[in-house]
């Protein structure tokens, strides 16, 4: 049975797969907005984007804590820095 479903999905996405995937994503977000509301759906979307970014940083082998602290230290003005994590 699952083999037939898999064949049906491959057949459905044979022509214009990106358009159909975009349609399905749009339908998903539309249903989420109807069920949960716009701002809750937007919040969940942004949390997913942040999670994707963090996961990609881990996949690249970056040390996420050091990179975050380095970014904070570079963005905060010198007079407001009360800590020093890096040499």
PDB file of N, CA and C in Angstrom:
ATOM      1  N   UNK A   1       0.818  -1.192   0.000  1.00  0.00           N
ATOM      2  CA  UNK A   1       0.000   0.000   0.000  1.00  0.00           C
ATOM      3  C   UNK A   1       0.868   1.264   0.000  1.00  0.00           C
ATOM      4  N   UNK A   2       1.901   1.309   0.875  1.00  0.00           N
ATOM      5  CA  UNK A   2       2.746   2.500   0.929  1.00  0.00           C
ATOM      6  C   UNK A   2       3.528   2.684  -0.349  1.00  0.00           C
ATOM      7  N   UNK A   3       3.839   1.601  -1.017  1.00  0.00           N
ATOM      8  CA  UNK A   3       4.517   1.700  -2.304  1.00  0.00           C
ATOM      9  C   UNK A   3       3.643   2.380  -3.347  1.00  0.00           C
ATOM     10  N   UNK A   4       2.342   2.074  -3.313  1.00  0.00           N
ATOM     11  CA  UNK A   4       1.413   2.715  -4.238  1.00  0.00           C
ATOM     12  C   UNK A   4       1.265   4.197  -3.926  1.00  0.00           C
ATOM     13  N   UNK A   5       1.237   4.550  -2.651  1.00  0.00           N
ATOM     14  CA  UNK A   5       1.137   5.957  -2.245  1.00  0.00           C
ATOM     15  C   UNK A   5       2.383   6.708  -2.688  1.00  0.00           C
ATOM     16  N   UNK A   6       3.540   6.086  -2.520  1.00  0.00           N
ATOM     17  CA  UNK A   6       4.801   6.696  -2.938  1.00  0.00           C
ATOM     18  C   UNK A   6       4.814   6.933  -4.449  1.00  0.00           C
ATOM     19  N   UNK A   7       4.340   5.960  -5.226  1.00  0.00           N
ATOM     20  CA  UNK A   7       4.266   6.121  -6.677  1.00  0.00           C
ATOM     21  C   UNK A   7       3.299   7.241  -7.056  1.00  0.00           C
ATOM     22  N   UNK A   8       2.185   7.344  -6.349  1.00  0.00           N
ATOM     23  CA  UNK A   8       1.200   8.378  -6.622  1.00  0.00           C
ATOM     24  C   UNK A   8       1.770   9.771  -6.339  1.00  0.00           C
ATOM     25  N   UNK A   9       2.525   9.906  -5.255  1.00  0.00           N
ATOM     26  CA  UNK A   9       3.141  11.197  -4.916  1.00  0.00           C
ATOM     27  C   UNK A   9       4.191  11.560  -5.953  1.00  0.00           C
ATOM     28  N   UNK A  10       5.020  10.600  -6.368  1.00  0.00           N
ATOM     29  CA  UNK A  10       6.016  10.877  -7.409  1.00  0.00           C
ATOM     30  C   UNK A  10       5.352  11.283  -8.710  1.00  0.00           C
ATOM     31  N   UNK A  11       4.265  10.636  -9.059  1.00  0.00           N
ATOM     32  CA  UNK A  11       3.545  10.969 -10.277  1.00  0.00           C
ATOM     33  C   UNK A  11       2.925  12.365 -10.184  1.00  0.00           C
ATOM     34  N   UNK A  12       2.402  12.713  -9.004  1.00  0.00           N
ATOM     35  CA  UNK A  12       1.774  14.023  -8.824  1.00  0.00           C
ATOM     36  C   UNK A  12       2.801  15.147  -8.919  1.00  0.00           C
ATOM     37  N   UNK A  13       4.024  14.911  -8.471  1.00  0.00           N
ATOM     38  CA  UNK A  13       5.063  15.946  -8.469  1.00  0.00           C
ATOM     39  C   UNK A  13       5.983  15.871  -9.685  1.00  0.00           C
ATOM     40  N   UNK A  14       5.623  15.060 -10.680  1.00  0.00           N
ATOM     41  CA  UNK A  14       6.470  14.910 -11.854  1.00  0.00           C
ATOM     42  C   UNK A  14       6.567  16.217 -12.641  1.00  0.00           C
ATOM     43  N   UNK A  15       5.447  16.852 -12.915  1.00  0.00           N
ATOM     44  CA  UNK A  15       5.415  18.115 -13.650  1.00  0.00           C
ATOM     45  C   UNK A  15       5.286  19.275 -12.675  1.00  0.00           C
ATOM     46  N   UNK A  16       6.156  20.266 -12.801  1.00  0.00           N
ATOM     47  CA  UNK A  16       6.151  21.479 -11.979  1.00  0.00           C
ATOM     48  C   UNK A  16       6.169  21.168 -10.471  1.00  0.00           C
ATOM     49  N   UNK A  17       7.181  20.479  -9.987  1.00  0.00           N
ATOM     50  CA  UNK A  17       7.184  20.079  -8.570  1.00  0.00           C
ATOM     51  C   UNK A  17       7.286  21.271  -7.616  1.00  0.00           C
ATOM     52  N   UNK A  18       7.997  22.333  -8.003  1.00  0.00           N
ATOM     53  CA  UNK A  18       8.156  23.469  -7.089  1.00  0.00           C
ATOM     54  C   UNK A  18       6.864  24.261  -6.946  1.00  0.00           C
ATOM     55  N   UNK A  19       6.110  24.351  -8.013  1.00  0.00           N
ATOM     56  CA  UNK A  19       4.814  25.030  -7.925  1.00  0.00           C
ATOM     57  C   UNK A  19       3.874  24.282  -6.993  1.00  0.00           C
ATOM     58  N   UNK A  20       3.853  22.989  -7.126  1.00  0.00           N
ATOM     59  CA  UNK A  20       2.956  22.180  -6.296  1.00  0.00           C
ATOM     60  C   UNK A  20       3.402  22.192  -4.842  1.00  0.00           C
ATOM     61  N   UNK A  21       4.713  22.169  -4.605  1.00  0.00           N
ATOM     62  CA  UNK A  21       5.212  22.245  -3.236  1.00  0.00           C
ATOM     63  C   UNK A  21       4.884  23.608  -2.627  1.00  0.00           C
ATOM     64  N   UNK A  22       5.031  24.668  -3.404  1.00  0.00           N
ATOM     65  CA  UNK A  22       4.656  25.995  -2.935  1.00  0.00           C
ATOM     66  C   UNK A  22       3.178  26.079  -2.605  1.00  0.00           C
ATOM     67  N   UNK A  23       2.349  25.448  -3.430  1.00  0.00           N
ATOM     68  CA  UNK A  23       0.921  25.408  -3.166  1.00  0.00           C
ATOM     69  C   UNK A  23       0.626  24.697  -1.848  1.00  0.00           C
ATOM     70  N   UNK A  24       1.266  23.557  -1.630  1.00  0.00           N
ATOM     71  CA  UNK A  24       1.036  22.803  -0.391  1.00  0.00           C
ATOM     72  C   UNK A  24       1.496  23.583   0.838  1.00  0.00           C
ATOM     73  N   UNK A  25       2.625  24.278   0.724  1.00  0.00           N
ATOM     74  CA  UNK A  25       3.102  25.098   1.836  1.00  0.00           C
ATOM     75  C   UNK A  25       2.122  26.231   2.102  1.00  0.00           C
ATOM     76  N   UNK A  26       1.605  26.853   1.042  1.00  0.00           N
ATOM     77  CA  UNK A  26       0.616  27.911   1.202  1.00  0.00           C
ATOM     78  C   UNK A  26      -0.660  27.417   1.866  1.00  0.00           C
ATOM     79  N   UNK A  27      -1.112  26.255   1.467  1.00  0.00           N
ATOM     80  CA  UNK A  27      -2.303  25.674   2.090  1.00  0.00           C
ATOM     81  C   UNK A  27      -2.037  25.383   3.568  1.00  0.00           C
ATOM     82  N   UNK A  28      -0.849  24.863   3.874  1.00  0.00           N
ATOM     83  CA  UNK A  28      -0.496  24.580   5.265  1.00  0.00           C
ATOM     84  C   UNK A  28      -0.531  25.849   6.109  1.00  0.00           C
ATOM     85  N   UNK A  29       0.097  26.942   5.606  1.00  0.00           N
ATOM     86  CA  UNK A  29       0.101  28.187   6.356  1.00  0.00           C
ATOM     87  C   UNK A  29      -1.301  28.783   6.448  1.00  0.00           C
ATOM     88  N   UNK A  30      -2.091  28.641   5.406  1.00  0.00           N
ATOM     89  CA  UNK A  30      -3.470  29.125   5.463  1.00  0.00           C
ATOM     90  C   UNK A  30      -4.275  28.412   6.533  1.00  0.00           C
ATOM     91  N   UNK A  31      -4.152  27.106   6.605  1.00  0.00           N
ATOM     92  CA  UNK A  31      -4.860  26.334   7.631  1.00  0.00           C
ATOM     93  C   UNK A  31      -4.337  26.701   9.016  1.00  0.00           C
ATOM     94  N   UNK A  32      -3.024  26.900   9.148  1.00  0.00           N
ATOM     95  CA  UNK A  32      -2.449  27.282  10.443  1.00  0.00           C
ATOM     96  C   UNK A  32      -2.956  28.650  10.876  1.00  0.00           C
ATOM     97  N   UNK A  33      -3.067  29.596   9.943  1.00  0.00           N
ATOM     98  CA  UNK A  33      -3.560  30.933  10.295  1.00  0.00           C
ATOM     99  C   UNK A  33      -5.025  30.872  10.686  1.00  0.00           C
ATOM    100  N   UNK A  34      -5.805  30.081  10.002  1.00  0.00           N
ATOM    101  CA  UNK A  34      -7.221  29.951  10.359  1.00  0.00           C
ATOM    102  C   UNK A  34      -7.369  29.323  11.737  1.00  0.00           C
ATOM    103  N   UNK A  35      -6.573  28.296  12.029  1.00  0.00           N
ATOM    104  CA  UNK A  35      -6.707  27.585  13.299  1.00  0.00           C
ATOM    105  C   UNK A  35      -6.076  28.325  14.479  1.00  0.00           C
ATOM    106  N   UNK A  36      -4.915  28.938  14.283  1.00  0.00           N
ATOM    107  CA  UNK A  36      -4.170  29.499  15.409  1.00  0.00           C
ATOM    108  C   UNK A  36      -4.130  31.020  15.413  1.00  0.00           C
ATOM    109  N   UNK A  37      -4.342  31.659  14.305  1.00  0.00           N
ATOM    110  CA  UNK A  37      -4.250  33.103  14.217  1.00  0.00           C
ATOM    111  C   UNK A  37      -2.967  33.512  13.516  1.00  0.00           C
ATOM    112  N   UNK A  38      -2.963  34.759  13.031  1.00  0.00           N
ATOM    113  CA  UNK A  38      -1.843  35.232  12.234  1.00  0.00           C
ATOM    114  C   UNK A  38      -0.562  35.350  13.041  1.00  0.00           C
ATOM    115  N   UNK A  39      -0.625  36.012  14.201  1.00  0.00           N
ATOM    116  CA  UNK A  39       0.596  36.273  14.956  1.00  0.00           C
ATOM    117  C   UNK A  39       1.167  35.007  15.586  1.00  0.00           C
ATOM    118  N   UNK A  40       0.333  34.076  15.995  1.00  0.00           N
ATOM    119  CA  UNK A  40       0.842  32.816  16.523  1.00  0.00           C
ATOM    120  C   UNK A  40       1.536  32.017  15.421  1.00  0.00           C
ATOM    121  N   UNK A  41       0.960  32.033  14.231  1.00  0.00           N
ATOM    122  CA  UNK A  41       1.588  31.337  13.106  1.00  0.00           C
ATOM    123  C   UNK A  41       2.894  32.007  12.719  1.00  0.00           C
ATOM    124  N   UNK A  42       2.904  33.340  12.720  1.00  0.00           N
ATOM    125  CA  UNK A  42       4.127  34.075  12.403  1.00  0.00           C
ATOM    126  C   UNK A  42       5.218  33.789  13.430  1.00  0.00           C
ATOM    127  N   UNK A  43       4.850  33.732  14.706  1.00  0.00           N
ATOM    128  CA  UNK A  43       5.807  33.412  15.769  1.00  0.00           C
ATOM    129  C   UNK A  43       6.386  32.004  15.567  1.00  0.00           C
ATOM    130  N   UNK A  44       5.525  31.044  15.268  1.00  0.00           N
ATOM    131  CA  UNK A  44       6.001  29.673  15.043  1.00  0.00           C
ATOM    132  C   UNK A  44       6.916  29.611  13.826  1.00  0.00           C
ATOM    133  N   UNK A  45       6.604  30.386  12.775  1.00  0.00           N
ATOM    134  CA  UNK A  45       7.443  30.434  11.586  1.00  0.00           C
ATOM    135  C   UNK A  45       8.821  30.987  11.922  1.00  0.00           C
ATOM    136  N   UNK A  46       8.879  32.090  12.678  1.00  0.00           N
ATOM    137  CA  UNK A  46      10.168  32.673  13.042  1.00  0.00           C
ATOM    138  C   UNK A  46      10.965  31.754  13.971  1.00  0.00           C
ATOM    139  N   UNK A  47      10.282  31.051  14.861  1.00  0.00           N
ATOM    140  CA  UNK A  47      10.985  30.070  15.705  1.00  0.00           C
ATOM    141  C   UNK A  47      11.576  28.959  14.847  1.00  0.00           C
ATOM    142  N   UNK A  48      10.862  28.548  13.824  1.00  0.00           N
ATOM    143  CA  UNK A  48      11.389  27.539  12.909  1.00  0.00           C
ATOM    144  C   UNK A  48      12.595  28.031  12.140  1.00  0.00           C
ATOM    145  N   UNK A  49      12.571  29.292  11.709  1.00  0.00           N
ATOM    146  CA  UNK A  49      13.712  29.873  11.000  1.00  0.00           C
ATOM    147  C   UNK A  49      14.929  29.945  11.916  1.00  0.00           C
ATOM    148  N   UNK A  50      14.722  30.360  13.161  1.00  0.00           N
ATOM    149  CA  UNK A  50      15.828  30.423  14.127  1.00  0.00           C
ATOM    150  C   UNK A  50      16.389  29.026  14.386  1.00  0.00           C
ATOM    151  N   UNK A  51      15.507  28.051  14.526  1.00  0.00           N
ATOM    152  CA  UNK A  51      15.954  26.676  14.716  1.00  0.00           C
ATOM    153  C   UNK A  51      16.721  26.142  13.519  1.00  0.00           C
ATOM    154  N   UNK A  52      16.287  26.519  12.329  1.00  0.00           N
ATOM    155  CA  UNK A  52      17.006  26.115  11.120  1.00  0.00           C
ATOM    156  C   UNK A  52      18.400  26.727  11.090  1.00  0.00           C
ATOM    157  N   UNK A  53      18.512  27.999  11.474  1.00  0.00           N
ATOM    158  CA  UNK A  53      19.816  28.669  11.507  1.00  0.00           C
ATOM    159  C   UNK A  53      20.741  28.008  12.531  1.00  0.00           C
ATOM    160  N   UNK A  54      20.224  27.750  13.717  1.00  0.00           N
ATOM    161  CA  UNK A  54      21.044  27.123  14.767  1.00  0.00           C
ATOM    162  C   UNK A  54      21.472  25.719  14.337  1.00  0.00           C
ATOM    163  N   UNK A  55      20.553  24.960  13.765  1.00  0.00           N
ATOM    164  CA  UNK A  55      20.891  23.620  13.302  1.00  0.00           C
ATOM    165  C   UNK A  55      21.938  23.627  12.199  1.00  0.00           C
ATOM    166  N   UNK A  56      21.843  24.602  11.300  1.00  0.00           N
ATOM    167  CA  UNK A  56      22.847  24.670  10.236  1.00  0.00           C
ATOM    168  C   UNK A  56      24.208  25.056  10.782  1.00  0.00           C
ATOM    169  N   UNK A  57      24.233  25.893  11.818  1.00  0.00           N
ATOM    170  CA  UNK A  57      25.512  26.243  12.444  1.00  0.00           C
ATOM    171  C   UNK A  57      26.132  25.018  13.110  1.00  0.00           C
ATOM    172  N   UNK A  58      25.324  24.195  13.772  1.00  0.00           N
ATOM    173  CA  UNK A  58      25.838  22.968  14.373  1.00  0.00           C
ATOM    174  C   UNK A  58      26.324  21.999  13.303  1.00  0.00           C
ATOM    175  N   UNK A  59      25.603  21.911  12.195  1.00  0.00           N
ATOM    176  CA  UNK A  59      26.017  21.026  11.112  1.00  0.00           C
ATOM    177  C   UNK A  59      27.344  21.453  10.510  1.00  0.00           C
ATOM    178  N   UNK A  60      27.600  22.764  10.486  1.00  0.00           N
ATOM    179  CA  UNK A  60      28.858  23.274   9.947  1.00  0.00           C
ATOM    180  C   UNK A  60      30.022  23.069  10.909  1.00  0.00           C
ATOM    181  N   UNK A  61      29.745  22.645  12.127  1.00  0.00           N
ATOM    182  CA  UNK A  61      30.803  22.385  13.095  1.00  0.00           C
ATOM    183  C   UNK A  61      31.205  23.607  13.896  1.00  0.00           C
ATOM    184  N   UNK A  62      30.424  24.676  13.847  1.00  0.00           N
ATOM    185  CA  UNK A  62      30.734  25.872  14.623  1.00  0.00           C
ATOM    186  C   UNK A  62      30.422  25.643  16.091  1.00  0.00           C
ATOM    187  N   UNK A  63      31.203  26.288  16.950  1.00  0.00           N
ATOM    188  CA  UNK A  63      30.893  26.292  18.369  1.00  0.00           C
ATOM    189  C   UNK A  63      29.924  27.440  18.594  1.00  0.00           C
ATOM    190  N   UNK A  64      28.664  27.104  18.796  1.00  0.00           N
ATOM    191  CA  UNK A  64      27.605  28.102  18.806  1.00  0.00           C
ATOM    192  C   UNK A  64      27.725  29.074  19.968  1.00  0.00           C
ATOM    193  N   UNK A  65      28.152  28.611  21.124  1.00  0.00           N
ATOM    194  CA  UNK A  65      28.272  29.492  22.289  1.00  0.00           C
ATOM    195  C   UNK A  65      29.352  30.546  22.050  1.00  0.00           C
ATOM    196  N   UNK A  66      30.513  30.131  21.573  1.00  0.00           N
ATOM    197  CA  UNK A  66      31.588  31.090  21.301  1.00  0.00           C
ATOM    198  C   UNK A  66      31.194  32.083  20.216  1.00  0.00           C
ATOM    199  N   UNK A  67      30.535  31.598  19.179  1.00  0.00           N
ATOM    200  CA  UNK A  67      30.120  32.491  18.098  1.00  0.00           C
ATOM    201  C   UNK A  67      29.092  33.506  18.585  1.00  0.00           C
ATOM    202  N   UNK A  68      28.159  33.083  19.438  1.00  0.00           N
ATOM    203  CA  UNK A  68      27.149  33.994  19.978  1.00  0.00           C
ATOM    204  C   UNK A  68      27.788  35.038  20.876  1.00  0.00           C
ATOM    205  N   UNK A  69      28.678  34.618  21.761  1.00  0.00           N
ATOM    206  CA  UNK A  69      29.346  35.575  22.649  1.00  0.00           C
ATOM    207  C   UNK A  69      30.216  36.550  21.866  1.00  0.00           C
ATOM    208  N   UNK A  70      30.863  36.072  20.825  1.00  0.00           N
ATOM    209  CA  UNK A  70      31.682  36.943  19.988  1.00  0.00           C
ATOM    210  C   UNK A  70      30.810  37.974  19.274  1.00  0.00           C
ATOM    211  N   UNK A  71      29.647  37.551  18.795  1.00  0.00           N
ATOM    212  CA  UNK A  71      28.725  38.471  18.129  1.00  0.00           C
ATOM    213  C   UNK A  71      28.204  39.524  19.104  1.00  0.00           C
ATOM    214  N   UNK A  72      27.869  39.099  20.319  1.00  0.00           N
ATOM    215  CA  UNK A  72      27.395  40.051  21.332  1.00  0.00           C
ATOM    216  C   UNK A  72      28.493  41.041  21.666  1.00  0.00           C
ATOM    217  N   UNK A  73      29.694  40.551  21.856  1.00  0.00           N
ATOM    218  CA  UNK A  73      30.797  41.431  22.231  1.00  0.00           C
ATOM    219  C   UNK A  73      31.120  42.433  21.122  1.00  0.00           C
ATOM    220  N   UNK A  74      31.010  42.020  19.880  1.00  0.00           N
ATOM    221  CA  UNK A  74      31.296  42.929  18.775  1.00  0.00           C
ATOM    222  C   UNK A  74      30.189  43.958  18.572  1.00  0.00           C
ATOM    223  N   UNK A  75      28.969  43.646  18.985  1.00  0.00           N
ATOM    224  CA  UNK A  75      27.860  44.563  18.736  1.00  0.00           C
ATOM    225  C   UNK A  75      27.592  45.522  19.902  1.00  0.00           C
ATOM    226  N   UNK A  76      28.101  45.215  21.094  1.00  0.00           N
ATOM    227  CA  UNK A  76      27.884  46.084  22.251  1.00  0.00           C
ATOM    228  C   UNK A  76      29.018  47.107  22.322  1.00  0.00           C
ATOM    229  N   UNK A  77      28.697  48.377  22.544  1.00  0.00           N
ATOM    230  CA  UNK A  77      29.759  49.389  22.657  1.00  0.00           C
ATOM    231  C   UNK A  77      30.718  49.088  23.811  1.00  0.00           C
ATOM    232  N   UNK A  78      31.934  49.578  23.686  1.00  0.00           N
ATOM    233  CA  UNK A  78      32.993  49.286  24.655  1.00  0.00           C
ATOM    234  C   UNK A  78      32.623  49.710  26.071  1.00  0.00           C
ATOM    235  N   UNK A  79      31.985  50.844  26.223  1.00  0.00           N
ATOM    236  CA  UNK A  79      31.679  51.343  27.570  1.00  0.00           C
ATOM    237  C   UNK A  79      30.609  50.520  28.278  1.00  0.00           C
ATOM    238  N   UNK A  80      29.824  49.724  27.535  1.00  0.00           N
ATOM    239  CA  UNK A  80      28.791  48.906  28.152  1.00  0.00           C
ATOM    240  C   UNK A  80      29.245  47.468  28.405  1.00  0.00           C
ATOM    241  N   UNK A  81      30.470  47.151  28.069  1.00  0.00           N
ATOM    242  CA  UNK A  81      30.965  45.775  28.243  1.00  0.00           C
ATOM    243  C   UNK A  81      31.462  45.589  29.667  1.00  0.00           C
ATOM    244  N   UNK A  82      30.741  44.785  30.417  1.00  0.00           N
ATOM    245  CA  UNK A  82      31.121  44.501  31.799  1.00  0.00           C
ATOM    246  C   UNK A  82      31.795  43.144  31.941  1.00  0.00           C
ATOM    247  N   UNK A  83      31.845  42.408  30.896  1.00  0.00           N
ATOM    248  CA  UNK A  83      32.487  41.096  30.935  1.00  0.00           C
ATOM    249  C   UNK A  83      33.472  40.980  29.792  1.00  0.00           C
ATOM    250  N   UNK A  84      34.377  40.076  29.943  1.00  0.00           N
ATOM    251  CA  UNK A  84      35.369  39.819  28.904  1.00  0.00           C
ATOM    252  C   UNK A  84      35.539  38.315  28.791  1.00  0.00           C
ATOM    253  N   UNK A  85      34.944  37.709  27.742  1.00  0.00           N
ATOM    254  CA  UNK A  85      35.050  36.277  27.556  1.00  0.00           C
ATOM    255  C   UNK A  85      36.232  35.896  26.680  1.00  0.00           C
ATOM    256  N   UNK A  86      36.672  36.836  25.856  1.00  0.00           N
ATOM    257  CA  UNK A  86      37.712  36.497  24.901  1.00  0.00           C
ATOM    258  C   UNK A  86      38.976  37.311  25.230  1.00  0.00           C
ATOM    259  N   UNK A  87      40.079  36.732  24.853  1.00  0.00           N
ATOM    260  CA  UNK A  87      41.356  37.421  25.068  1.00  0.00           C
ATOM    261  C   UNK A  87      41.621  38.413  23.961  1.00  0.00           C
TER     262      UNK A  87
END
